[in-house]
Amino acid sequence: MTPPPRLVRRIGAEFVGTAFLVMAVVGSGIAAARLSPQDVGLQLLENSLVTGAALVALILALQPVSAAFNPLVTLVERLLGLLETRDAAALVAAQFVGGALGAVLANLMFGLGAVSIAATDRSGGGLWLGEVIATLGLVVVIFGSLRTGRTNTVAYAVAGYITAAYWFTSSTSFANPAVTVARMFSDTFAGIAPSSVPMFIAMQLVGGTLALALIWLLFPTPAQQPQLADA
């Protein structure tokens, strides 16, 4: 049987990986709110640990095919010349669709309606700055690992950073446009109101742009071709 084309495999990996990432974020948020209803700090701890653990597993499993799970990371790969525009667009579309499906499945697993539009307002200068910082750090961590030839460390570096950034950034580190949009569809612990989404994504783009400048400054010559896919 002829294997599917490489791009089809990458699209599938990005779709599945982003779906499971959002399920981890939203599902653990719902579970945390139910298990620890009186302790928001404990809820955030549970949410962050589950998200970090899921990231390790998903990146380790899917990196041989494709493991960005984030339109900004895919965009940076395109700007660094690692992807063709057509391929990047297809991967980004898969990330957004997969993320939305992940939110729906998380809602259904916990007995909620398939879609409930979030009402949690997340706005203000401090939160927006938090998203810039969160995204800047994430992209530098990813490409700092890749451009120094340490592809086997990416899963742990990303998971460790995101787990920490839940706590040290005011926004709790969304740092991902696909995940941000997906979290609109769950009016639960991890939700974000649609009115807050455009500014969050704008700040993520600012953070990604700053990160790209830092990558060019700190890692101008990659030790090897730095991609989030090996095949």
Protein backbone atom coordinates (compact mmCIF):
# COMPACT_ATOMS: atom_id res chain seq x y z
CA MET A 1 0.00 0.00 0.00
CA THR A 2 1.42 3.36 -1.04
CA PRO A 3 1.97 5.70 1.94
CA PRO A 4 0.22 9.08 1.83
CA PRO A 5 2.20 12.08 0.57
CA ARG A 6 4.43 13.84 3.08
CA LEU A 7 2.28 16.98 3.17
CA VAL A 8 -0.85 14.94 3.89
CA ARG A 9 0.94 13.26 6.78
CA ARG A 10 2.07 16.62 8.14
CA ILE A 11 -1.44 18.05 7.88
CA GLY A 12 -2.77 15.02 9.76
CA ALA A 13 -0.16 15.34 12.49
CA GLU A 14 -0.84 19.05 12.99
CA PHE A 15 -4.60 18.45 13.05
CA VAL A 16 -4.40 15.61 15.57
CA GLY A 17 -1.70 17.22 17.70
CA THR A 18 -3.49 20.56 18.01
CA ALA A 19 -6.78 18.83 18.76
CA PHE A 20 -5.23 16.85 21.60
CA LEU A 21 -3.39 19.91 22.90
CA VAL A 22 -6.65 21.85 23.16
CA MET A 23 -8.37 18.86 24.73
CA ALA A 24 -5.63 18.82 27.35
CA VAL A 25 -5.95 22.56 28.03
CA VAL A 26 -9.73 22.75 28.10
CA GLY A 27 -10.43 19.31 29.55
CA SER A 28 -7.99 19.68 32.42
CA GLY A 29 -9.42 23.13 33.11
CA ILE A 30 -12.91 21.69 33.42
CA ALA A 31 -11.69 18.82 35.59
CA ALA A 32 -9.69 21.17 37.81
CA ALA A 33 -12.65 23.49 38.36
CA ARG A 34 -14.78 20.52 39.39
CA LEU A 35 -12.20 18.82 41.59
CA SER A 36 -10.93 21.97 43.32
CA PRO A 37 -13.87 24.38 43.14
CA GLN A 38 -12.72 26.62 45.97
CA ASP A 39 -9.05 26.98 45.05
CA VAL A 40 -8.20 28.84 41.84
CA GLY A 41 -4.48 28.47 42.44
CA LEU A 42 -4.79 24.71 42.63
CA GLN A 43 -6.95 24.75 39.51
CA LEU A 44 -4.20 26.58 37.62
CA LEU A 45 -1.56 24.17 38.92
CA GLU A 46 -3.57 21.18 37.74
CA ASN A 47 -4.24 22.83 34.38
CA SER A 48 -0.58 23.74 33.82
CA LEU A 49 0.83 20.34 34.79
CA VAL A 50 -1.57 18.46 32.54
CA THR A 51 -0.85 20.80 29.62
CA GLY A 52 2.90 20.38 30.06
CA ALA A 53 2.65 16.60 30.31
CA ALA A 54 0.47 16.44 27.20
CA LEU A 55 2.94 18.58 25.26
CA VAL A 56 5.82 16.23 26.07
CA ALA A 57 3.85 13.23 24.88
CA LEU A 58 2.44 14.86 21.75
CA ILE A 59 5.73 16.35 20.57
CA LEU A 60 7.65 13.12 21.20
CA ALA A 61 5.04 11.11 19.31
CA LEU A 62 4.45 13.43 16.36
CA GLN A 63 7.75 15.25 15.84
CA PRO A 64 8.95 12.63 13.33
CA VAL A 65 6.05 13.83 11.13
CA SER A 66 5.18 17.38 12.27
CA ALA A 67 4.79 18.93 15.71
CA ALA A 68 4.35 22.69 15.62
CA PHE A 69 0.69 22.75 16.77
CA ASN A 70 0.93 26.55 16.55
CA PRO A 71 0.37 28.86 13.56
CA LEU A 72 3.03 31.28 14.80
CA VAL A 73 5.66 28.54 14.92
CA THR A 74 4.67 27.46 11.41
CA LEU A 75 4.88 31.08 10.25
CA VAL A 76 8.39 31.40 11.68
CA GLU A 77 9.37 28.19 9.91
CA ARG A 78 8.09 29.75 6.67
CA LEU A 79 10.01 32.98 7.24
CA LEU A 80 13.17 30.99 7.92
CA GLY A 81 12.72 29.25 4.58
CA LEU A 82 11.86 25.85 6.00
CA LEU A 83 8.41 25.61 4.43
CA GLU A 84 6.77 26.58 1.17
CA THR A 85 3.90 29.05 1.44
CA ARG A 86 1.34 26.50 0.26
CA ASP A 87 2.49 23.95 2.80
CA ALA A 88 2.51 26.47 5.62
CA ALA A 89 -1.04 27.60 4.79
CA ALA A 90 -2.28 24.00 4.82
CA LEU A 91 -0.63 23.29 8.17
CA VAL A 92 -2.05 26.46 9.74
CA ALA A 93 -5.55 25.57 8.53
CA ALA A 94 -5.18 22.10 10.06
CA GLN A 95 -4.09 23.65 13.36
CA PHE A 96 -7.12 25.95 13.56
CA VAL A 97 -9.60 23.21 12.61
CA GLY A 98 -7.97 20.69 14.94
CA GLY A 99 -8.00 23.16 17.80
CA ALA A 100 -11.71 23.87 17.36
CA LEU A 101 -12.47 20.15 17.29
CA GLY A 102 -10.42 19.67 20.46
CA ALA A 103 -12.52 22.24 22.31
CA VAL A 104 -15.75 20.58 21.16
CA LEU A 105 -14.54 17.13 22.23
CA ALA A 106 -13.40 18.41 25.62
CA ASN A 107 -16.83 19.94 26.21
CA LEU A 108 -18.58 16.73 25.23
CA MET A 109 -16.32 14.52 27.39
CA PHE A 110 -17.39 16.46 30.47
CA GLY A 111 -21.10 16.41 29.68
CA LEU A 112 -21.34 19.97 28.39
CA GLY A 113 -22.83 21.25 25.18
CA ALA A 114 -20.59 20.80 22.14
CA VAL A 115 -20.07 24.55 21.88
CA SER A 116 -20.52 27.21 24.52
CA ILE A 117 -19.13 30.64 23.73
CA ALA A 118 -16.80 31.75 26.51
CA ALA A 119 -17.68 34.81 28.57
CA THR A 120 -14.35 35.26 30.38
CA ASP A 121 -13.00 38.68 29.49
CA ARG A 122 -9.21 38.72 29.25
CA SER A 123 -8.20 42.28 28.45
CA GLY A 124 -5.90 44.98 29.76
CA GLY A 125 -2.35 46.16 29.26
CA GLY A 126 -0.82 43.71 31.70
CA LEU A 127 -2.44 40.70 30.03
CA TRP A 128 -1.47 41.92 26.57
CA LEU A 129 2.13 42.39 27.66
CA GLY A 130 1.97 38.91 29.17
CA GLU A 131 1.03 37.47 25.78
CA VAL A 132 3.92 39.24 24.08
CA ILE A 133 6.35 37.85 26.66
CA ALA A 134 4.82 34.37 26.61
CA THR A 135 4.99 34.10 22.83
CA LEU A 136 8.45 35.61 22.58
CA GLY A 137 9.81 33.11 25.08
CA LEU A 138 8.10 30.12 23.51
CA VAL A 139 9.37 30.79 20.01
CA VAL A 140 12.92 31.46 21.24
CA VAL A 141 12.88 28.26 23.30
CA ILE A 142 11.73 26.20 20.30
CA PHE A 143 14.14 27.59 17.74
CA GLY A 144 16.97 27.97 20.22
CA SER A 145 16.79 24.22 20.64
CA LEU A 146 16.36 23.47 16.94
CA ARG A 147 19.00 25.82 15.55
CA THR A 148 21.64 24.45 17.90
CA GLY A 149 21.00 20.91 16.74
CA ARG A 150 19.19 19.69 19.84
CA THR A 151 15.97 18.47 18.26
CA ASN A 152 15.64 15.74 20.88
CA THR A 153 15.22 18.37 23.61
CA VAL A 154 12.32 20.28 22.04
CA ALA A 155 9.53 18.32 23.74
CA TYR A 156 10.94 18.87 27.20
CA ALA A 157 11.98 22.47 26.59
CA VAL A 158 8.56 23.46 25.25
CA ALA A 159 6.62 21.61 27.94
CA GLY A 160 8.79 23.03 30.71
CA TYR A 161 8.46 26.55 29.36
CA ILE A 162 4.68 26.41 28.94
CA THR A 163 4.18 24.91 32.40
CA ALA A 164 6.24 27.74 33.89
CA ALA A 165 4.70 30.45 31.72
CA TYR A 166 1.21 29.54 32.97
CA TRP A 167 2.49 31.02 36.24
CA PHE A 168 4.96 33.78 35.43
CA THR A 169 2.93 35.52 32.72
CA SER A 170 -0.18 37.50 33.59
CA SER A 171 -2.10 36.01 30.64
CA THR A 172 -1.32 32.39 31.65
CA SER A 173 0.50 32.03 28.33
CA PHE A 174 -1.93 31.29 25.51
CA ALA A 175 0.96 31.98 23.04
CA ASN A 176 -0.87 30.22 20.19
CA PRO A 177 -3.51 31.70 17.84
CA ALA A 178 -5.14 28.32 17.10
CA VAL A 179 -5.48 27.49 20.78
CA THR A 180 -6.71 31.00 21.53
CA VAL A 181 -9.49 30.76 18.94
CA ALA A 182 -10.40 27.24 20.10
CA ARG A 183 -10.77 28.38 23.71
CA MET A 184 -13.59 30.71 22.63
CA PHE A 185 -15.77 27.64 22.19
CA SER A 186 -15.75 26.52 25.83
CA ASP A 187 -17.26 28.72 28.53
CA THR A 188 -15.19 27.04 31.20
CA PHE A 189 -12.03 27.61 33.23
CA ALA A 190 -9.81 27.93 30.13
CA GLY A 191 -12.24 29.99 28.07
CA ILE A 192 -11.67 33.41 26.52
CA ALA A 193 -14.41 35.76 25.36
CA PRO A 194 -14.46 36.39 21.58
CA SER A 195 -14.01 40.11 22.19
CA SER A 196 -10.66 39.41 23.85
CA VAL A 197 -9.31 37.19 21.09
CA PRO A 198 -8.21 39.76 18.45
CA MET A 199 -5.91 41.64 20.83
CA PHE A 200 -4.46 38.39 22.19
CA ILE A 201 -3.60 37.26 18.66
CA ALA A 202 -2.19 40.69 17.82
CA MET A 203 0.09 40.51 20.86
CA GLN A 204 1.12 36.98 19.92
CA LEU A 205 2.15 38.29 16.50
CA VAL A 206 4.18 41.03 18.17
CA GLY A 207 5.87 38.44 20.38
CA GLY A 208 6.55 36.19 17.41
CA THR A 209 8.09 39.07 15.45
CA LEU A 210 10.38 39.97 18.34
CA ALA A 211 11.32 36.32 18.71
CA LEU A 212 12.23 36.09 15.03
CA ALA A 213 14.58 39.06 15.44
CA LEU A 214 16.18 37.37 18.45
CA ILE A 215 16.58 34.12 16.56
CA TRP A 216 18.43 35.88 13.76
CA LEU A 217 20.59 37.67 16.35
CA LEU A 218 21.38 34.72 18.63
CA PHE A 219 21.30 31.77 16.23
CA PRO A 220 22.19 33.19 12.79
CA THR A 221 23.61 29.90 11.49
CA PRO A 222 21.71 26.73 12.31
CA ALA A 223 23.74 23.70 13.30
CA GLN A 224 21.38 21.65 11.14
CA GLN A 225 18.21 22.22 9.19
CA PRO A 226 15.86 23.18 12.07
CA GLN A 227 12.39 21.78 11.53
CA LEU A 228 9.66 20.45 13.73
CA ALA A 229 9.49 17.42 11.47
CA ASP A 230 12.12 14.87 10.58
CA ALA A 231 10.35 13.03 7.80
